[in-house]
Amino acid sequence: MLWRHLRNGRLNGRKWRRQQPVDQYIVDFFCPELRLVIELDGGAHALKEKRDEYRQTHLEAQGLRVIRFTNDEILSNLQGVVDVLWDMSR
C-alpha cells in the first residue's frame, strides 16, 4: 500500500527503492537523495526489539535517518504516514 505512494517519484518527486540492500541489511524502503530509510514493523518485530535497535543504530552510524511505522499504522492511517513522509521529503 505504501509503495503506491512512493514509487515513480509520487512523493514529492523523490526516487525510492524497496527492499534495498544497505550495508549488511535489506531495508524496506530507501531514498538515497534524502538518506532516509523507512522500516515497516509487523507483529513479529515486538519480539525482535533489541535486534531492531542495533540495526537502526548501525544504519544511523552510516549517516542515514531511519523512520519506523507499524503495519497497523499503514493499514489504519496511511494518509497520516504519507503526510509525515511528505514533510520529511521537503
N, C-alpha and C. Protein backbone atom coordinates (compact mmCIF):
# COMPACT_ATOMS: atom_id res chain seq x y z
N MET A 1 0.82 -1.20 0.00
CA MET A 1 0.00 0.00 0.00
C MET A 1 0.87 1.27 0.00
N LEU A 2 1.87 1.27 0.86
CA LEU A 2 2.75 2.44 0.93
C LEU A 2 3.53 2.63 -0.37
N TRP A 3 3.96 1.53 -0.96
CA TRP A 3 4.75 1.60 -2.18
C TRP A 3 4.03 2.38 -3.28
N ARG A 4 2.70 2.26 -3.35
CA ARG A 4 1.93 3.01 -4.36
C ARG A 4 2.14 4.51 -4.22
N HIS A 5 2.41 4.98 -3.00
CA HIS A 5 2.60 6.42 -2.78
C HIS A 5 4.05 6.84 -2.98
N LEU A 6 4.97 5.89 -2.93
CA LEU A 6 6.40 6.22 -3.03
C LEU A 6 6.96 6.07 -4.45
N ARG A 7 6.48 5.07 -5.16
CA ARG A 7 7.11 4.73 -6.44
C ARG A 7 6.92 5.80 -7.50
N ASN A 8 7.79 5.76 -8.47
CA ASN A 8 7.74 6.67 -9.63
C ASN A 8 7.74 8.15 -9.25
N GLY A 9 8.40 8.48 -8.16
CA GLY A 9 8.52 9.88 -7.76
C GLY A 9 7.23 10.52 -7.28
N ARG A 10 6.27 9.69 -6.87
CA ARG A 10 4.96 10.23 -6.46
C ARG A 10 5.02 11.03 -5.16
N LEU A 11 6.03 10.79 -4.36
CA LEU A 11 6.14 11.52 -3.10
C LEU A 11 7.16 12.64 -3.27
N ASN A 12 6.67 13.79 -3.64
CA ASN A 12 7.50 14.99 -3.76
C ASN A 12 8.63 14.82 -4.78
N GLY A 13 8.42 13.98 -5.78
CA GLY A 13 9.41 13.80 -6.83
C GLY A 13 10.64 13.00 -6.44
N ARG A 14 10.63 12.42 -5.26
CA ARG A 14 11.80 11.67 -4.77
C ARG A 14 11.80 10.24 -5.28
N LYS A 15 12.97 9.73 -5.57
CA LYS A 15 13.15 8.35 -6.03
C LYS A 15 13.32 7.44 -4.82
N TRP A 16 12.47 6.43 -4.72
CA TRP A 16 12.53 5.46 -3.63
C TRP A 16 12.84 4.08 -4.19
N ARG A 17 13.52 3.30 -3.40
CA ARG A 17 13.78 1.90 -3.74
C ARG A 17 13.19 1.04 -2.64
N ARG A 18 12.65 -0.11 -3.01
CA ARG A 18 12.12 -1.00 -1.98
C ARG A 18 12.99 -2.25 -1.88
N GLN A 19 12.99 -2.83 -0.69
CA GLN A 19 13.83 -4.00 -0.41
C GLN A 19 15.26 -3.74 -0.89
N GLN A 20 15.80 -2.63 -0.41
CA GLN A 20 17.11 -2.15 -0.84
C GLN A 20 18.21 -2.62 0.09
N PRO A 21 19.26 -3.26 -0.44
CA PRO A 21 20.42 -3.58 0.40
C PRO A 21 21.13 -2.29 0.83
N VAL A 22 21.36 -2.16 2.11
CA VAL A 22 22.13 -1.06 2.67
C VAL A 22 23.10 -1.69 3.65
N ASP A 23 24.37 -1.67 3.28
CA ASP A 23 25.40 -2.35 4.06
C ASP A 23 25.00 -3.81 4.20
N GLN A 24 24.92 -4.33 5.40
CA GLN A 24 24.60 -5.76 5.56
C GLN A 24 23.11 -6.02 5.73
N TYR A 25 22.31 -5.00 5.64
CA TYR A 25 20.86 -5.14 5.85
C TYR A 25 20.09 -4.91 4.56
N ILE A 26 18.87 -5.40 4.55
CA ILE A 26 17.93 -5.07 3.48
C ILE A 26 16.81 -4.28 4.14
N VAL A 27 16.69 -3.02 3.73
CA VAL A 27 15.68 -2.14 4.34
C VAL A 27 14.42 -2.17 3.49
N ASP A 28 13.31 -1.84 4.11
CA ASP A 28 12.03 -1.89 3.40
C ASP A 28 11.98 -0.87 2.27
N PHE A 29 12.29 0.40 2.58
CA PHE A 29 12.30 1.45 1.57
C PHE A 29 13.48 2.37 1.84
N PHE A 30 14.07 2.90 0.76
CA PHE A 30 15.24 3.77 0.90
C PHE A 30 15.20 4.85 -0.15
N CYS A 31 15.42 6.09 0.28
CA CYS A 31 15.56 7.23 -0.63
C CYS A 31 17.01 7.70 -0.53
N PRO A 32 17.84 7.41 -1.53
CA PRO A 32 19.25 7.81 -1.47
C PRO A 32 19.43 9.32 -1.36
N GLU A 33 18.61 10.09 -2.06
CA GLU A 33 18.74 11.54 -2.06
C GLU A 33 18.54 12.12 -0.65
N LEU A 34 17.58 11.59 0.07
CA LEU A 34 17.29 12.06 1.43
C LEU A 34 18.08 11.31 2.49
N ARG A 35 18.71 10.19 2.07
CA ARG A 35 19.40 9.30 3.01
C ARG A 35 18.44 8.86 4.11
N LEU A 36 17.22 8.50 3.66
CA LEU A 36 16.13 8.16 4.57
C LEU A 36 15.71 6.71 4.34
N VAL A 37 15.63 5.98 5.44
CA VAL A 37 15.19 4.58 5.44
C VAL A 37 13.82 4.52 6.10
N ILE A 38 12.91 3.80 5.49
CA ILE A 38 11.61 3.52 6.10
C ILE A 38 11.58 2.04 6.43
N GLU A 39 11.30 1.74 7.69
CA GLU A 39 11.16 0.36 8.13
C GLU A 39 9.72 0.14 8.56
N LEU A 40 9.14 -0.95 8.10
CA LEU A 40 7.78 -1.32 8.48
C LEU A 40 7.86 -2.50 9.44
N ASP A 41 7.22 -2.36 10.56
CA ASP A 41 7.30 -3.37 11.61
C ASP A 41 5.96 -4.07 11.78
N GLY A 42 5.97 -5.37 11.58
CA GLY A 42 4.79 -6.19 11.84
C GLY A 42 4.81 -6.69 13.27
N GLY A 43 3.87 -7.55 13.60
CA GLY A 43 3.76 -8.08 14.95
C GLY A 43 5.00 -8.81 15.42
N ALA A 44 5.71 -9.47 14.54
CA ALA A 44 6.91 -10.23 14.92
C ALA A 44 8.03 -9.33 15.42
N HIS A 45 8.00 -8.07 15.05
CA HIS A 45 9.07 -7.16 15.47
C HIS A 45 9.04 -6.88 16.97
N ALA A 46 7.91 -7.06 17.59
CA ALA A 46 7.83 -6.86 19.04
C ALA A 46 8.77 -7.82 19.77
N LEU A 47 9.00 -8.97 19.17
CA LEU A 47 9.89 -9.96 19.77
C LEU A 47 11.35 -9.72 19.41
N LYS A 48 11.60 -8.80 18.49
CA LYS A 48 12.96 -8.55 17.99
C LYS A 48 13.41 -7.13 18.28
N GLU A 49 12.94 -6.54 19.36
CA GLU A 49 13.20 -5.15 19.65
C GLU A 49 14.69 -4.83 19.75
N LYS A 50 15.45 -5.64 20.45
CA LYS A 50 16.89 -5.40 20.62
C LYS A 50 17.61 -5.45 19.27
N ARG A 51 17.27 -6.43 18.45
CA ARG A 51 17.90 -6.55 17.14
C ARG A 51 17.55 -5.34 16.27
N ASP A 52 16.30 -4.88 16.33
CA ASP A 52 15.90 -3.70 15.57
C ASP A 52 16.65 -2.46 16.04
N GLU A 53 16.84 -2.33 17.35
CA GLU A 53 17.59 -1.19 17.89
C GLU A 53 19.02 -1.18 17.37
N TYR A 54 19.65 -2.36 17.39
CA TYR A 54 21.03 -2.46 16.90
C TYR A 54 21.10 -2.11 15.42
N ARG A 55 20.17 -2.63 14.66
CA ARG A 55 20.11 -2.37 13.22
C ARG A 55 19.94 -0.88 12.96
N GLN A 56 19.04 -0.24 13.69
CA GLN A 56 18.81 1.19 13.50
C GLN A 56 20.04 1.99 13.88
N THR A 57 20.68 1.65 14.98
CA THR A 57 21.90 2.34 15.40
C THR A 57 22.98 2.20 14.33
N HIS A 58 23.10 1.01 13.76
CA HIS A 58 24.10 0.78 12.71
C HIS A 58 23.79 1.63 11.48
N LEU A 59 22.55 1.67 11.05
CA LEU A 59 22.18 2.47 9.88
C LEU A 59 22.40 3.96 10.14
N GLU A 60 22.05 4.42 11.32
CA GLU A 60 22.25 5.83 11.66
C GLU A 60 23.73 6.18 11.71
N ALA A 61 24.56 5.24 12.12
CA ALA A 61 26.01 5.46 12.14
C ALA A 61 26.56 5.63 10.71
N GLN A 62 25.82 5.16 9.72
CA GLN A 62 26.19 5.32 8.31
C GLN A 62 25.69 6.66 7.75
N GLY A 63 25.11 7.49 8.61
CA GLY A 63 24.61 8.79 8.18
C GLY A 63 23.20 8.76 7.63
N LEU A 64 22.46 7.69 7.92
CA LEU A 64 21.09 7.57 7.43
C LEU A 64 20.10 7.95 8.52
N ARG A 65 18.96 8.46 8.10
CA ARG A 65 17.84 8.66 9.03
C ARG A 65 16.93 7.46 8.87
N VAL A 66 16.40 6.98 9.98
CA VAL A 66 15.53 5.81 9.96
C VAL A 66 14.21 6.20 10.61
N ILE A 67 13.13 5.91 9.92
CA ILE A 67 11.80 6.12 10.49
C ILE A 67 11.06 4.79 10.42
N ARG A 68 10.34 4.49 11.50
CA ARG A 68 9.62 3.22 11.59
C ARG A 68 8.13 3.47 11.69
N PHE A 69 7.40 2.62 11.00
CA PHE A 69 5.95 2.60 11.10
C PHE A 69 5.54 1.16 11.33
N THR A 70 4.45 0.98 12.04
CA THR A 70 3.92 -0.37 12.20
C THR A 70 3.00 -0.68 11.02
N ASN A 71 2.81 -1.95 10.79
CA ASN A 71 1.86 -2.35 9.74
C ASN A 71 0.47 -1.81 10.07
N ASP A 72 0.11 -1.78 11.36
CA ASP A 72 -1.19 -1.23 11.75
C ASP A 72 -1.32 0.23 11.35
N GLU A 73 -0.24 1.01 11.48
CA GLU A 73 -0.29 2.42 11.08
C GLU A 73 -0.54 2.53 9.57
N ILE A 74 0.10 1.68 8.80
CA ILE A 74 -0.08 1.69 7.35
C ILE A 74 -1.52 1.35 7.00
N LEU A 75 -2.07 0.35 7.67
CA LEU A 75 -3.43 -0.09 7.37
C LEU A 75 -4.50 0.88 7.84
N SER A 76 -4.28 1.49 9.01
CA SER A 76 -5.34 2.31 9.59
C SER A 76 -5.16 3.81 9.35
N ASN A 77 -3.95 4.25 9.01
CA ASN A 77 -3.70 5.68 8.86
C ASN A 77 -2.68 5.94 7.76
N LEU A 78 -2.89 5.36 6.60
CA LEU A 78 -1.94 5.50 5.50
C LEU A 78 -1.71 6.96 5.13
N GLN A 79 -2.76 7.75 5.08
CA GLN A 79 -2.59 9.16 4.71
C GLN A 79 -1.75 9.90 5.74
N GLY A 80 -1.90 9.59 7.01
CA GLY A 80 -1.06 10.19 8.04
C GLY A 80 0.40 9.85 7.86
N VAL A 81 0.68 8.59 7.51
CA VAL A 81 2.06 8.15 7.25
C VAL A 81 2.62 8.90 6.04
N VAL A 82 1.84 8.98 4.98
CA VAL A 82 2.27 9.68 3.78
C VAL A 82 2.53 11.16 4.09
N ASP A 83 1.69 11.76 4.91
CA ASP A 83 1.89 13.17 5.29
C ASP A 83 3.21 13.36 6.03
N VAL A 84 3.54 12.45 6.95
CA VAL A 84 4.81 12.53 7.68
C VAL A 84 5.97 12.43 6.70
N LEU A 85 5.89 11.50 5.78
CA LEU A 85 6.97 11.30 4.81
C LEU A 85 7.07 12.48 3.86
N TRP A 86 5.94 13.06 3.49
CA TRP A 86 5.95 14.25 2.63
C TRP A 86 6.73 15.37 3.30
N ASP A 87 6.42 15.60 4.58
CA ASP A 87 7.13 16.65 5.33
C ASP A 87 8.63 16.38 5.40
N MET A 88 9.01 15.12 5.56
CA MET A 88 10.42 14.76 5.65
C MET A 88 11.13 14.88 4.31
N SER A 89 10.37 14.85 3.22
CA SER A 89 10.98 14.86 1.88
C SER A 89 11.15 16.26 1.31
N ARG A 90 10.79 17.26 2.06
CA ARG A 90 10.91 18.64 1.56
C ARG A 90 12.28 19.19 1.78
